[in-house]
Amino acid sequence: MIGLVAILGLFSIALGLVAIVLGFIAWGQRGKVRAKRTMAAWGIGLGTLSLVLGIVGVVIVNEAFEDLDRELDEIESDLDG
């Protein structure tokens, strides 16, 4: 399960960056249609949210693996000594 969270976190980061870039491209195009700007703003906002949540997910998984590594080292030292 943790592996799936890490993969989805990286996927979320990648797609968030794509959404932000495409949102800014759509925002800057010549056609100043209100619906187009609204969709571009949603793309930028949701892309940013996806990027932030992906980074948080990767940090949480990283912390979990570091805790696991410390616990396993402690168990190993208890078994050796």
Protein backbone atom coordinates (compact mmCIF):
# COMPACT_ATOMS: atom_id res chain seq x y z
CA MET A 1 0.00 0.00 0.00
CA ILE A 2 2.81 2.44 0.84
CA GLY A 3 4.39 1.76 -2.56
CA LEU A 4 1.14 2.69 -4.26
CA VAL A 5 0.97 5.96 -2.33
CA ALA A 6 4.53 6.83 -3.39
CA ILE A 7 3.81 6.07 -7.04
CA LEU A 8 0.59 8.08 -6.97
CA GLY A 9 2.41 10.93 -5.24
CA LEU A 10 4.97 11.11 -8.03
CA PHE A 11 2.19 10.82 -10.62
CA SER A 12 0.33 13.65 -8.88
CA ILE A 13 3.42 15.87 -8.93
CA ALA A 14 3.99 15.28 -12.64
CA LEU A 15 0.37 15.90 -13.63
CA GLY A 16 0.17 18.93 -11.33
CA LEU A 17 3.12 20.52 -13.12
CA VAL A 18 1.52 19.80 -16.51
CA ALA A 19 -1.80 21.31 -15.37
CA ILE A 20 -0.07 24.46 -14.09
CA VAL A 21 1.91 24.95 -17.31
CA LEU A 22 -1.10 24.35 -19.56
CA GLY A 23 -3.26 26.60 -17.36
CA PHE A 24 -0.83 29.49 -17.73
CA ILE A 25 -0.58 28.88 -21.49
CA ALA A 26 -4.38 29.00 -21.79
CA TRP A 27 -4.53 32.08 -19.54
CA GLY A 28 -2.14 34.00 -21.78
CA GLN A 29 -3.77 33.23 -25.13
CA ARG A 30 -5.26 36.08 -27.15
CA GLY A 31 -8.90 35.02 -26.95
CA LYS A 32 -10.14 36.74 -23.81
CA VAL A 33 -13.23 34.57 -23.48
CA ARG A 34 -14.41 34.52 -19.87
CA ALA A 35 -15.16 30.78 -19.88
CA LYS A 36 -11.67 30.07 -21.20
CA ARG A 37 -10.05 32.16 -18.46
CA THR A 38 -12.22 30.46 -15.85
CA MET A 39 -11.15 27.02 -17.05
CA ALA A 40 -7.51 28.14 -17.12
CA ALA A 41 -7.81 29.42 -13.54
CA TRP A 42 -9.32 26.11 -12.43
CA GLY A 43 -6.48 24.27 -14.16
CA ILE A 44 -3.87 26.39 -12.39
CA GLY A 45 -5.60 26.02 -9.02
CA LEU A 46 -6.18 22.29 -9.23
CA GLY A 47 -2.70 21.73 -10.65
CA THR A 48 -1.22 23.58 -7.68
CA LEU A 49 -3.36 21.52 -5.29
CA SER A 50 -2.23 18.31 -6.98
CA LEU A 51 1.40 19.38 -6.79
CA VAL A 52 1.16 20.24 -3.08
CA LEU A 53 -0.68 17.03 -2.17
CA GLY A 54 1.80 14.96 -4.17
CA ILE A 55 4.74 16.54 -2.35
CA VAL A 56 3.05 15.98 1.02
CA GLY A 57 2.39 12.33 0.10
CA VAL A 58 6.00 11.74 -0.89
CA VAL A 59 7.25 13.37 2.32
CA ILE A 60 4.92 11.20 4.44
CA VAL A 61 6.06 8.02 2.69
CA ASN A 62 9.70 9.05 3.07
CA GLU A 63 9.21 9.63 6.81
CA ALA A 64 7.49 6.25 7.15
CA PHE A 65 10.42 4.48 5.50
CA GLU A 66 12.92 6.34 7.68
CA ASP A 67 10.99 5.32 10.81
CA LEU A 68 10.91 1.73 9.59
CA ASP A 69 14.65 1.78 8.96
CA ARG A 70 15.33 3.12 12.48
CA GLU A 71 13.08 0.51 14.06
CA LEU A 72 14.71 -2.31 12.10
CA ASP A 73 18.17 -1.06 13.09
CA GLU A 74 17.08 -0.99 16.73
CA ILE A 75 15.69 -4.54 16.51
CA GLU A 76 18.87 -5.74 14.84
CA SER A 77 21.05 -4.16 17.55
CA ASP A 78 18.85 -5.73 20.27
CA LEU A 79 19.21 -9.16 18.65
CA ASP A 80 23.00 -8.78 18.27
CA GLY A 81 23.64 -7.52 21.79
